[in-house]
PDB file of all heavy atoms in Angstrom:
ATOM      1  N   ASN A   1      12.553  75.914  16.148  1.00  0.00           N
ATOM      2  CA  ASN A   1      11.295  76.426  15.617  1.00  0.00           C
ATOM      3  C   ASN A   1      10.667  75.366  14.717  1.00  0.00           C
ATOM      4  O   ASN A   1      11.352  74.755  13.902  1.00  0.00           O
ATOM      5  CB  ASN A   1      11.552  77.703  14.792  1.00  0.00           C
ATOM      6  CG  ASN A   1      10.308  78.185  14.038  1.00  0.00           C
ATOM      7  OD1 ASN A   1      10.331  78.354  12.830  1.00  0.00           O
ATOM      8  ND2 ASN A   1       9.222  78.392  14.741  1.00  0.00           N
ATOM      9  N   SER A   2       9.350  75.148  14.899  1.00  0.00           N
ATOM     10  CA  SER A   2       8.591  74.281  14.020  1.00  0.00           C
ATOM     11  C   SER A   2       9.171  72.867  14.048  1.00  0.00           C
ATOM     12  O   SER A   2       9.350  72.277  15.116  1.00  0.00           O
ATOM     13  CB  SER A   2       8.578  74.896  12.615  1.00  0.00           C
ATOM     14  OG  SER A   2       7.528  74.373  11.859  1.00  0.00           O
ATOM     15  N   LEU A   3       9.534  72.315  12.885  1.00  0.00           N
ATOM     16  CA  LEU A   3      10.134  70.970  12.856  1.00  0.00           C
ATOM     17  C   LEU A   3      11.437  70.929  13.663  1.00  0.00           C
ATOM     18  O   LEU A   3      11.777  69.908  14.256  1.00  0.00           O
ATOM     19  CB  LEU A   3      10.412  70.566  11.406  1.00  0.00           C
ATOM     20  CG  LEU A   3      10.932  69.131  11.232  1.00  0.00           C
ATOM     21  CD1 LEU A   3       9.765  68.141  11.193  1.00  0.00           C
ATOM     22  CD2 LEU A   3      11.761  68.992   9.967  1.00  0.00           C
ATOM     23  N   GLY A   4      12.157  72.044  13.719  1.00  0.00           N
ATOM     24  CA  GLY A   4      13.397  72.096  14.506  1.00  0.00           C
ATOM     25  C   GLY A   4      13.142  71.886  15.995  1.00  0.00           C
ATOM     26  O   GLY A   4      13.962  71.294  16.705  1.00  0.00           O
ATOM     27  N   GLY A   5      11.995  72.360  16.478  1.00  0.00           N
ATOM     28  CA  GLY A   5      11.622  72.124  17.875  1.00  0.00           C
ATOM     29  C   GLY A   5      11.401  70.642  18.134  1.00  0.00           C
ATOM     30  O   GLY A   5      11.822  70.085  19.153  1.00  0.00           O
ATOM     31  N   HIS A   6      10.764  70.001  17.190  1.00  0.00           N
ATOM     32  CA  HIS A   6      10.480  68.567  17.263  1.00  0.00           C
ATOM     33  C   HIS A   6      11.796  67.774  17.312  1.00  0.00           C
ATOM     34  O   HIS A   6      11.966  66.870  18.132  1.00  0.00           O
ATOM     35  CB  HIS A   6       9.692  68.207  15.991  1.00  0.00           C
ATOM     36  CG  HIS A   6       8.919  66.936  16.093  1.00  0.00           C
ATOM     37  ND1 HIS A   6       7.828  66.696  15.305  1.00  0.00           N
ATOM     38  CD2 HIS A   6       9.064  65.817  16.836  1.00  0.00           C
ATOM     39  CE1 HIS A   6       7.337  65.485  15.573  1.00  0.00           C
ATOM     40  NE2 HIS A   6       8.073  64.939  16.502  1.00  0.00           N
ATOM     41  N   VAL A   7      12.729  68.160  16.448  1.00  0.00           N
ATOM     42  CA  VAL A   7      14.049  67.510  16.415  1.00  0.00           C
ATOM     43  C   VAL A   7      14.755  67.720  17.762  1.00  0.00           C
ATOM     44  O   VAL A   7      15.347  66.793  18.327  1.00  0.00           O
ATOM     45  CB  VAL A   7      14.893  68.080  15.243  1.00  0.00           C
ATOM     46  CG1 VAL A   7      16.333  67.586  15.300  1.00  0.00           C
ATOM     47  CG2 VAL A   7      14.255  67.701  13.900  1.00  0.00           C
ATOM     48  N   GLY A   8      14.656  68.946  18.293  1.00  0.00           N
ATOM     49  CA  GLY A   8      15.255  69.245  19.592  1.00  0.00           C
ATOM     50  C   GLY A   8      14.662  68.399  20.710  1.00  0.00           C
ATOM     51  O   GLY A   8      15.372  67.932  21.608  1.00  0.00           O
ATOM     52  N   LEU A   9      13.352  68.180  20.658  1.00  0.00           N
ATOM     53  CA  LEU A   9      12.683  67.353  21.671  1.00  0.00           C
ATOM     54  C   LEU A   9      13.175  65.912  21.613  1.00  0.00           C
ATOM     55  O   LEU A   9      13.451  65.288  22.642  1.00  0.00           O
ATOM     56  CB  LEU A   9      11.161  67.374  21.462  1.00  0.00           C
ATOM     57  CG  LEU A   9      10.419  68.602  21.988  1.00  0.00           C
ATOM     58  CD1 LEU A   9       9.019  68.679  21.378  1.00  0.00           C
ATOM     59  CD2 LEU A   9      10.326  68.570  23.520  1.00  0.00           C
ATOM     60  N   ILE A  10      13.273  65.363  20.403  1.00  0.00           N
ATOM     61  CA  ILE A  10      13.721  63.966  20.270  1.00  0.00           C
ATOM     62  C   ILE A  10      15.173  63.837  20.731  1.00  0.00           C
ATOM     63  O   ILE A  10      15.532  62.912  21.457  1.00  0.00           O
ATOM     64  CB  ILE A  10      13.559  63.472  18.811  1.00  0.00           C
ATOM     65  CG1 ILE A  10      12.079  63.453  18.433  1.00  0.00           C
ATOM     66  CG2 ILE A  10      14.166  62.085  18.637  1.00  0.00           C
ATOM     67  CD1 ILE A  10      11.813  63.171  16.967  1.00  0.00           C
ATOM     68  N   TYR A  11      16.017  64.803  20.343  1.00  0.00           N
ATOM     69  CA  TYR A  11      17.409  64.775  20.807  1.00  0.00           C
ATOM     70  C   TYR A  11      17.450  64.812  22.336  1.00  0.00           C
ATOM     71  O   TYR A  11      18.151  64.029  22.987  1.00  0.00           O
ATOM     72  CB  TYR A  11      18.207  65.955  20.228  1.00  0.00           C
ATOM     73  CG  TYR A  11      19.588  66.035  20.845  1.00  0.00           C
ATOM     74  CD1 TYR A  11      20.604  65.197  20.384  1.00  0.00           C
ATOM     75  CD2 TYR A  11      19.839  66.873  21.922  1.00  0.00           C
ATOM     76  CE1 TYR A  11      21.860  65.215  20.986  1.00  0.00           C
ATOM     77  CE2 TYR A  11      21.091  66.890  22.531  1.00  0.00           C
ATOM     78  CZ  TYR A  11      22.101  66.062  22.057  1.00  0.00           C
ATOM     79  OH  TYR A  11      23.335  66.066  22.665  1.00  0.00           O
ATOM     80  N   THR A  12      16.679  65.726  22.925  1.00  0.00           N
ATOM     81  CA  THR A  12      16.692  65.908  24.378  1.00  0.00           C
ATOM     82  C   THR A  12      16.211  64.650  25.104  1.00  0.00           C
ATOM     83  O   THR A  12      16.778  64.253  26.127  1.00  0.00           O
ATOM     84  CB  THR A  12      15.825  67.124  24.765  1.00  0.00           C
ATOM     85  OG1 THR A  12      16.340  68.279  24.092  1.00  0.00           O
ATOM     86  CG2 THR A  12      15.864  67.387  26.263  1.00  0.00           C
ATOM     87  N   LEU A  13      15.184  64.004  24.562  1.00  0.00           N
ATOM     88  CA  LEU A  13      14.677  62.774  25.186  1.00  0.00           C
ATOM     89  C   LEU A  13      15.792  61.755  25.394  1.00  0.00           C
ATOM     90  O   LEU A  13      15.798  61.042  26.383  1.00  0.00           O
ATOM     91  CB  LEU A  13      13.593  62.147  24.295  1.00  0.00           C
ATOM     92  CG  LEU A  13      12.155  62.544  24.598  1.00  0.00           C
ATOM     93  CD1 LEU A  13      11.234  62.086  23.477  1.00  0.00           C
ATOM     94  CD2 LEU A  13      11.690  61.951  25.931  1.00  0.00           C
ATOM     95  N   HIS A  14      16.732  61.704  24.450  1.00  0.00           N
ATOM     96  CA  HIS A  14      17.775  60.671  24.511  1.00  0.00           C
ATOM     97  C   HIS A  14      19.093  61.176  25.083  1.00  0.00           C
ATOM     98  O   HIS A  14      20.012  60.391  25.290  1.00  0.00           O
ATOM     99  CB  HIS A  14      18.002  60.090  23.111  1.00  0.00           C
ATOM    100  CG  HIS A  14      16.759  59.487  22.530  1.00  0.00           C
ATOM    101  ND1 HIS A  14      16.177  58.343  23.030  1.00  0.00           N
ATOM    102  CD2 HIS A  14      15.951  59.905  21.523  1.00  0.00           C
ATOM    103  CE1 HIS A  14      15.074  58.061  22.350  1.00  0.00           C
ATOM    104  NE2 HIS A  14      14.914  58.998  21.431  1.00  0.00           N
ATOM    105  N   ASN A  15      19.193  62.480  25.310  1.00  0.00           N
ATOM    106  CA  ASN A  15      20.479  63.054  25.750  1.00  0.00           C
ATOM    107  C   ASN A  15      20.272  64.144  26.798  1.00  0.00           C
ATOM    108  O   ASN A  15      20.868  65.212  26.715  1.00  0.00           O
ATOM    109  CB  ASN A  15      21.229  63.670  24.548  1.00  0.00           C
ATOM    110  CG  ASN A  15      21.459  62.671  23.426  1.00  0.00           C
ATOM    111  OD1 ASN A  15      22.425  61.935  23.440  1.00  0.00           O
ATOM    112  ND2 ASN A  15      20.562  62.651  22.459  1.00  0.00           N
ATOM    113  N   GLN A  16      19.439  63.862  27.808  1.00  0.00           N
ATOM    114  CA  GLN A  16      19.099  64.946  28.751  1.00  0.00           C
ATOM    115  C   GLN A  16      20.310  65.511  29.459  1.00  0.00           C
ATOM    116  O   GLN A  16      20.361  66.693  29.779  1.00  0.00           O
ATOM    117  CB  GLN A  16      18.095  64.452  29.784  1.00  0.00           C
ATOM    118  CG  GLN A  16      16.781  64.085  29.120  1.00  0.00           C
ATOM    119  CD  GLN A  16      15.587  64.253  30.016  1.00  0.00           C
ATOM    120  OE1 GLN A  16      15.405  65.299  30.614  1.00  0.00           O
ATOM    121  NE2 GLN A  16      14.772  63.223  30.090  1.00  0.00           N
ATOM    122  N   GLU A  17      21.307  64.649  29.680  1.00  0.00           N
ATOM    123  CA  GLU A  17      22.480  65.110  30.446  1.00  0.00           C
ATOM    124  C   GLU A  17      23.279  66.150  29.656  1.00  0.00           C
ATOM    125  O   GLU A  17      24.070  66.889  30.228  1.00  0.00           O
ATOM    126  CB  GLU A  17      23.365  63.913  30.850  1.00  0.00           C
ATOM    127  CG  GLU A  17      24.139  63.227  29.720  1.00  0.00           C
ATOM    128  CD  GLU A  17      23.286  62.507  28.654  1.00  0.00           C
ATOM    129  OE1 GLU A  17      22.081  62.231  28.889  1.00  0.00           O
ATOM    130  OE2 GLU A  17      23.832  62.216  27.572  1.00  0.00           O
ATOM    131  N   LYS A  18      23.036  66.230  28.348  1.00  0.00           N
ATOM    132  CA  LYS A  18      23.783  67.171  27.502  1.00  0.00           C
ATOM    133  C   LYS A  18      23.074  68.516  27.341  1.00  0.00           C
ATOM    134  O   LYS A  18      23.636  69.465  26.811  1.00  0.00           O
ATOM    135  CB  LYS A  18      23.953  66.588  26.092  1.00  0.00           C
ATOM    136  CG  LYS A  18      24.789  65.345  26.032  1.00  0.00           C
ATOM    137  CD  LYS A  18      26.149  65.693  25.500  1.00  0.00           C
ATOM    138  CE  LYS A  18      26.999  64.487  25.234  1.00  0.00           C
ATOM    139  NZ  LYS A  18      28.324  64.648  25.818  1.00  0.00           N
ATOM    140  N   VAL A  19      21.788  68.560  27.712  1.00  0.00           N
ATOM    141  CA  VAL A  19      20.981  69.739  27.395  1.00  0.00           C
ATOM    142  C   VAL A  19      20.735  70.559  28.663  1.00  0.00           C
ATOM    143  O   VAL A  19      20.152  70.079  29.625  1.00  0.00           O
ATOM    144  CB  VAL A  19      19.627  69.328  26.764  1.00  0.00           C
ATOM    145  CG1 VAL A  19      18.809  70.563  26.388  1.00  0.00           C
ATOM    146  CG2 VAL A  19      19.874  68.469  25.516  1.00  0.00           C
ATOM    147  N   LYS A  20      21.211  71.792  28.634  1.00  0.00           N
ATOM    148  CA  LYS A  20      21.040  72.662  29.795  1.00  0.00           C
ATOM    149  C   LYS A  20      19.652  73.297  29.786  1.00  0.00           C
ATOM    150  O   LYS A  20      18.983  73.370  30.799  1.00  0.00           O
ATOM    151  CB  LYS A  20      22.128  73.739  29.774  1.00  0.00           C
ATOM    152  CG  LYS A  20      22.287  74.441  31.112  1.00  0.00           C
ATOM    153  CD  LYS A  20      23.596  75.190  31.184  1.00  0.00           C
ATOM    154  CE  LYS A  20      23.775  75.796  32.554  1.00  0.00           C
ATOM    155  NZ  LYS A  20      24.994  76.591  32.644  1.00  0.00           N
ATOM    156  N   THR A  21      19.248  73.780  28.613  1.00  0.00           N
ATOM    157  CA  THR A  21      17.888  74.312  28.464  1.00  0.00           C
ATOM    158  C   THR A  21      17.386  73.970  27.068  1.00  0.00           C
ATOM    159  O   THR A  21      18.172  73.751  26.137  1.00  0.00           O
ATOM    160  CB  THR A  21      17.827  75.860  28.591  1.00  0.00           C
ATOM    161  OG1 THR A  21      18.509  76.443  27.474  1.00  0.00           O
ATOM    162  CG2 THR A  21      18.425  76.360  29.892  1.00  0.00           C
ATOM    163  N   LEU A  22      16.050  73.953  26.949  1.00  0.00           N
ATOM    164  CA  LEU A  22      15.403  73.707  25.669  1.00  0.00           C
ATOM    165  C   LEU A  22      14.375  74.813  25.457  1.00  0.00           C
ATOM    166  O   LEU A  22      13.611  75.129  26.374  1.00  0.00           O
ATOM    167  CB  LEU A  22      14.713  72.338  25.718  1.00  0.00           C
ATOM    168  CG  LEU A  22      13.877  71.914  24.516  1.00  0.00           C
ATOM    169  CD1 LEU A  22      14.736  71.773  23.266  1.00  0.00           C
ATOM    170  CD2 LEU A  22      13.170  70.584  24.811  1.00  0.00           C
ATOM    171  N   THR A  23      14.380  75.421  24.282  1.00  0.00           N
ATOM    172  CA  THR A  23      13.376  76.441  23.971  1.00  0.00           C
ATOM    173  C   THR A  23      12.639  76.020  22.704  1.00  0.00           C
ATOM    174  O   THR A  23      13.267  75.655  21.703  1.00  0.00           O
ATOM    175  CB  THR A  23      14.045  77.816  23.756  1.00  0.00           C
ATOM    176  OG1 THR A  23      14.699  78.188  24.975  1.00  0.00           O
ATOM    177  CG2 THR A  23      13.016  78.885  23.404  1.00  0.00           C
ATOM    178  N   LEU A  24      11.321  76.048  22.776  1.00  0.00           N
ATOM    179  CA  LEU A  24      10.490  75.649  21.636  1.00  0.00           C
ATOM    180  C   LEU A  24       9.620  76.819  21.221  1.00  0.00           C
ATOM    181  O   LEU A  24       9.035  77.501  22.066  1.00  0.00           O
ATOM    182  CB  LEU A  24       9.579  74.485  22.022  1.00  0.00           C
ATOM    183  CG  LEU A  24      10.247  73.234  22.603  1.00  0.00           C
ATOM    184  CD1 LEU A  24       9.190  72.243  23.073  1.00  0.00           C
ATOM    185  CD2 LEU A  24      11.163  72.586  21.569  1.00  0.00           C
ATOM    186  N   THR A  25       9.526  77.032  19.928  1.00  0.00           N
ATOM    187  CA  THR A  25       8.617  78.051  19.424  1.00  0.00           C
ATOM    188  C   THR A  25       7.916  77.478  18.194  1.00  0.00           C
ATOM    189  O   THR A  25       8.569  76.988  17.278  1.00  0.00           O
ATOM    190  CB  THR A  25       9.356  79.379  19.142  1.00  0.00           C
ATOM    191  OG1 THR A  25       8.409  80.357  18.747  1.00  0.00           O
ATOM    192  CG2 THR A  25      10.425  79.263  18.088  1.00  0.00           C
ATOM    193  N   GLY A  26       6.586  77.442  18.227  1.00  0.00           N
ATOM    194  CA  GLY A  26       5.831  76.865  17.112  1.00  0.00           C
ATOM    195  C   GLY A  26       6.279  75.453  16.801  1.00  0.00           C
ATOM    196  O   GLY A  26       6.388  75.064  15.640  1.00  0.00           O
ATOM    197  N   SER A  27       6.537  74.660  17.848  1.00  0.00           N
ATOM    198  CA  SER A  27       7.129  73.341  17.628  1.00  0.00           C
ATOM    199  C   SER A  27       6.091  72.308  17.208  1.00  0.00           C
ATOM    200  O   SER A  27       4.970  72.294  17.718  1.00  0.00           O
ATOM    201  CB  SER A  27       7.805  72.875  18.927  1.00  0.00           C
ATOM    202  OG  SER A  27       8.357  71.594  18.745  1.00  0.00           O
ATOM    203  N   SER A  28       6.494  71.421  16.313  1.00  0.00           N
ATOM    204  CA  SER A  28       5.662  70.250  16.057  1.00  0.00           C
ATOM    205  C   SER A  28       6.034  69.185  17.092  1.00  0.00           C
ATOM    206  O   SER A  28       6.898  69.395  17.931  1.00  0.00           O
ATOM    207  CB  SER A  28       5.844  69.747  14.628  1.00  0.00           C
ATOM    208  OG  SER A  28       7.179  69.405  14.355  1.00  0.00           O
ATOM    209  N   GLY A  29       5.377  68.039  17.049  1.00  0.00           N
ATOM    210  CA  GLY A  29       5.630  67.008  18.031  1.00  0.00           C
ATOM    211  C   GLY A  29       4.352  66.575  18.731  1.00  0.00           C
ATOM    212  O   GLY A  29       4.253  65.484  19.273  1.00  0.00           O
ATOM    213  N   LEU A  30       3.359  67.459  18.732  1.00  0.00           N
ATOM    214  CA  LEU A  30       2.037  67.094  19.257  1.00  0.00           C
ATOM    215  C   LEU A  30       0.994  67.185  18.154  1.00  0.00           C
ATOM    216  O   LEU A  30       0.238  66.268  17.909  1.00  0.00           O
ATOM    217  CB  LEU A  30       1.640  68.019  20.420  1.00  0.00           C
ATOM    218  CG  LEU A  30       2.421  67.840  21.722  1.00  0.00           C
ATOM    219  CD1 LEU A  30       2.028  68.912  22.732  1.00  0.00           C
ATOM    220  CD2 LEU A  30       2.198  66.456  22.313  1.00  0.00           C
ATOM    221  N   PHE A  31       0.974  68.341  17.487  1.00  0.00           N
ATOM    222  CA  PHE A  31      -0.046  68.558  16.460  1.00  0.00           C
ATOM    223  C   PHE A  31       0.375  69.721  15.584  1.00  0.00           C
ATOM    224  O   PHE A  31       0.886  70.711  16.091  1.00  0.00           O
ATOM    225  CB  PHE A  31      -1.380  68.921  17.131  1.00  0.00           C
ATOM    226  CG  PHE A  31      -2.379  69.479  16.153  1.00  0.00           C
ATOM    227  CD1 PHE A  31      -3.153  68.631  15.380  1.00  0.00           C
ATOM    228  CD2 PHE A  31      -2.515  70.851  15.991  1.00  0.00           C
ATOM    229  CE1 PHE A  31      -4.050  69.156  14.456  1.00  0.00           C
ATOM    230  CE2 PHE A  31      -3.413  71.377  15.057  1.00  0.00           C
ATOM    231  CZ  PHE A  31      -4.186  70.519  14.309  1.00  0.00           C
ATOM    232  N   GLU A  32       0.180  69.598  14.296  1.00  0.00           N
ATOM    233  CA  GLU A  32       0.349  70.781  13.450  1.00  0.00           C
ATOM    234  C   GLU A  32      -0.575  70.720  12.234  1.00  0.00           C
ATOM    235  O   GLU A  32      -0.885  69.636  11.755  1.00  0.00           O
ATOM    236  CB  GLU A  32       1.799  70.956  13.006  1.00  0.00           C
ATOM    237  CG  GLU A  32       2.345  69.914  12.067  1.00  0.00           C
ATOM    238  CD  GLU A  32       2.943  68.709  12.777  1.00  0.00           C
ATOM    239  OE1 GLU A  32       2.782  68.556  13.993  1.00  0.00           O
ATOM    240  OE2 GLU A  32       3.560  67.892  12.073  1.00  0.00           O
ATOM    241  N   ASN A  33      -1.015  71.894  11.802  1.00  0.00           N
ATOM    242  CA  ASN A  33      -1.729  72.015  10.525  1.00  0.00           C
ATOM    243  C   ASN A  33      -0.647  72.192   9.492  1.00  0.00           C
ATOM    244  O   ASN A  33      -0.132  73.285   9.330  1.00  0.00           O
ATOM    245  CB  ASN A  33      -2.575  73.294  10.503  1.00  0.00           C
ATOM    246  CG  ASN A  33      -3.780  73.170  11.391  1.00  0.00           C
ATOM    247  OD1 ASN A  33      -4.437  72.149  11.374  1.00  0.00           O
ATOM    248  ND2 ASN A  33      -4.058  74.213  12.166  1.00  0.00           N
ATOM    249  N   GLY A  34      -0.287  71.156   8.784  1.00  0.00           N
ATOM    250  CA  GLY A  34       0.979  71.248   8.085  1.00  0.00           C
ATOM    251  C   GLY A  34       0.943  71.920   6.749  1.00  0.00           C
ATOM    252  O   GLY A  34      -0.076  72.077   6.117  1.00  0.00           O
ATOM    253  N   MET A  35       2.168  72.270   6.324  1.00  0.00           N
ATOM    254  CA  MET A  35       2.473  72.460   4.916  1.00  0.00           C
ATOM    255  C   MET A  35       2.499  71.054   4.320  1.00  0.00           C
ATOM    256  O   MET A  35       2.926  70.833   3.212  1.00  0.00           O
ATOM    257  CB  MET A  35       3.880  73.046   4.762  1.00  0.00           C
ATOM    258  CG  MET A  35       3.967  74.544   4.907  1.00  0.00           C
ATOM    259  SD  MET A  35       3.314  75.339   3.424  1.00  0.00           S
ATOM    260  CE  MET A  35       4.352  76.765   3.296  1.00  0.00           C
ATOM    261  N   GLY A  36       2.152  70.051   5.111  1.00  0.00           N
ATOM    262  CA  GLY A  36       2.437  68.672   4.728  1.00  0.00           C
ATOM    263  C   GLY A  36       1.381  68.057   3.835  1.00  0.00           C
ATOM    264  O   GLY A  36       1.543  66.937   3.416  1.00  0.00           O
ATOM    265  N   GLU A  37       0.301  68.751   3.541  1.00  0.00           N
ATOM    266  CA  GLU A  37      -0.650  68.087   2.647  1.00  0.00           C
ATOM    267  C   GLU A  37      -0.034  68.128   1.259  1.00  0.00           C
ATOM    268  O   GLU A  37       0.677  69.039   0.912  1.00  0.00           O
ATOM    269  CB  GLU A  37      -2.043  68.713   2.686  1.00  0.00           C
ATOM    270  CG  GLU A  37      -2.141  70.052   2.073  1.00  0.00           C
ATOM    271  CD  GLU A  37      -1.896  71.155   3.066  1.00  0.00           C
ATOM    272  OE1 GLU A  37      -1.347  70.887   4.145  1.00  0.00           O
ATOM    273  OE2 GLU A  37      -2.241  72.285   2.740  1.00  0.00           O
ATOM    274  N   THR A  38      -0.371  67.172   0.454  1.00  0.00           N
ATOM    275  CA  THR A  38       0.484  66.754  -0.650  1.00  0.00           C
ATOM    276  C   THR A  38       0.783  67.765  -1.751  1.00  0.00           C
ATOM    277  O   THR A  38       1.006  67.363  -2.879  1.00  0.00           O
ATOM    278  CB  THR A  38      -0.142  65.529  -1.303  1.00  0.00           C
ATOM    279  OG1 THR A  38      -1.532  65.862  -1.494  1.00  0.00           O
ATOM    280  CG2 THR A  38      -0.079  64.325  -0.396  1.00  0.00           C
ATOM    281  N   TYR A  39       0.788  69.027  -1.477  1.00  0.00           N
ATOM    282  CA  TYR A  39       1.126  70.010  -2.509  1.00  0.00           C
ATOM    283  C   TYR A  39       0.376  69.824  -3.802  1.00  0.00           C
ATOM    284  O   TYR A  39       0.970  69.531  -4.833  1.00  0.00           O
ATOM    285  CB  TYR A  39       2.622  69.961  -2.854  1.00  0.00           C
ATOM    286  CG  TYR A  39       3.384  70.709  -1.848  1.00  0.00           C
ATOM    287  CD1 TYR A  39       4.310  70.086  -1.054  1.00  0.00           C
ATOM    288  CD2 TYR A  39       3.120  72.053  -1.646  1.00  0.00           C
ATOM    289  CE1 TYR A  39       4.966  70.786  -0.082  1.00  0.00           C
ATOM    290  CE2 TYR A  39       3.781  72.746  -0.676  1.00  0.00           C
ATOM    291  CZ  TYR A  39       4.698  72.106   0.097  1.00  0.00           C
ATOM    292  OH  TYR A  39       5.347  72.792   1.063  1.00  0.00           O
ATOM    293  N   PRO A  40      -0.950  69.957  -3.800  1.00  0.00           N
ATOM    294  CA  PRO A  40      -1.680  69.767  -5.053  1.00  0.00           C
ATOM    295  C   PRO A  40      -1.289  70.806  -6.085  1.00  0.00           C
ATOM    296  O   PRO A  40      -1.337  70.556  -7.271  1.00  0.00           O
ATOM    297  CB  PRO A  40      -3.141  69.945  -4.635  1.00  0.00           C
ATOM    298  CG  PRO A  40      -3.086  70.739  -3.369  1.00  0.00           C
ATOM    299  CD  PRO A  40      -1.797  70.383  -2.702  1.00  0.00           C
ATOM    300  N   LYS A  41      -0.872  71.989  -5.634  1.00  0.00           N
ATOM    301  CA  LYS A  41      -0.654  73.073  -6.590  1.00  0.00           C
ATOM    302  C   LYS A  41       0.801  73.484  -6.561  1.00  0.00           C
ATOM    303  O   LYS A  41       1.121  74.634  -6.315  1.00  0.00           O
ATOM    304  CB  LYS A  41      -1.530  74.272  -6.230  1.00  0.00           C
ATOM    305  CG  LYS A  41      -2.996  73.926  -5.971  1.00  0.00           C
ATOM    306  CD  LYS A  41      -3.801  75.201  -5.908  1.00  0.00           C
ATOM    307  CE  LYS A  41      -5.261  74.975  -5.579  1.00  0.00           C
ATOM    308  NZ  LYS A  41      -5.488  74.515  -4.210  1.00  0.00           N
ATOM    309  N   ARG A  42       1.666  72.528  -6.774  1.00  0.00           N
ATOM    310  CA  ARG A  42       3.083  72.808  -6.606  1.00  0.00           C
ATOM    311  C   ARG A  42       3.568  73.992  -7.427  1.00  0.00           C
ATOM    312  O   ARG A  42       4.346  74.797  -6.966  1.00  0.00           O
ATOM    313  CB  ARG A  42       3.871  71.578  -7.013  1.00  0.00           C
ATOM    314  CG  ARG A  42       4.839  71.169  -5.973  1.00  0.00           C
ATOM    315  CD  ARG A  42       5.459  69.874  -6.302  1.00  0.00           C
ATOM    316  NE  ARG A  42       5.480  69.661  -7.733  1.00  0.00           N
ATOM    317  CZ  ARG A  42       6.420  69.021  -8.369  1.00  0.00           C
ATOM    318  NH1 ARG A  42       7.418  68.553  -7.702  1.00  0.00           N
ATOM    319  NH2 ARG A  42       6.369  68.836  -9.654  1.00  0.00           N
ATOM    320  N   GLY A  43       3.109  74.064  -8.659  1.00  0.00           N
ATOM    321  CA  GLY A  43       3.645  75.096  -9.539  1.00  0.00           C
ATOM    322  C   GLY A  43       2.917  76.423  -9.421  1.00  0.00           C
ATOM    323  O   GLY A  43       3.177  77.344 -10.182  1.00  0.00           O
ATOM    324  N   ASP A  44       1.989  76.518  -8.485  1.00  0.00           N
ATOM    325  CA  ASP A  44       1.128  77.696  -8.408  1.00  0.00           C
ATOM    326  C   ASP A  44       1.721  78.709  -7.423  1.00  0.00           C
ATOM    327  O   ASP A  44       1.623  78.562  -6.215  1.00  0.00           O
ATOM    328  CB  ASP A  44      -0.267  77.217  -7.969  1.00  0.00           C
ATOM    329  CG  ASP A  44      -1.262  78.372  -7.868  1.00  0.00           C
ATOM    330  OD1 ASP A  44      -0.825  79.535  -7.801  1.00  0.00           O
ATOM    331  OD2 ASP A  44      -2.475  78.097  -7.841  1.00  0.00           O
ATOM    332  N   TYR A  45       2.336  79.746  -7.962  1.00  0.00           N
ATOM    333  CA  TYR A  45       3.050  80.726  -7.133  1.00  0.00           C
ATOM    334  C   TYR A  45       2.111  81.406  -6.133  1.00  0.00           C
ATOM    335  O   TYR A  45       2.447  81.593  -4.967  1.00  0.00           O
ATOM    336  CB  TYR A  45       3.720  81.768  -8.036  1.00  0.00           C
ATOM    337  CG  TYR A  45       4.623  82.709  -7.278  1.00  0.00           C
ATOM    338  CD1 TYR A  45       5.951  82.371  -7.016  1.00  0.00           C
ATOM    339  CD2 TYR A  45       4.160  83.949  -6.819  1.00  0.00           C
ATOM    340  CE1 TYR A  45       6.795  83.231  -6.307  1.00  0.00           C
ATOM    341  CE2 TYR A  45       4.984  84.815  -6.112  1.00  0.00           C
ATOM    342  CZ  TYR A  45       6.302  84.451  -5.865  1.00  0.00           C
ATOM    343  OH  TYR A  45       7.128  85.292  -5.154  1.00  0.00           O
TER     344      TYR A  45
END
C-alpha cells in the first residue's frame, strides 16, 4: 500500500523469478499528491 507498493515494484523489477503475484493499492511510483510537502505546520494537531 502507498510507499509499500512502490517498494514492492522496485523489488519485483529486480527479482521477478521470486515473485508469484504482486498486488498494489494506492501505490506510489508514478505520481502522488504527497504528505511529502515540507510539513509547514508540524506542531499543528
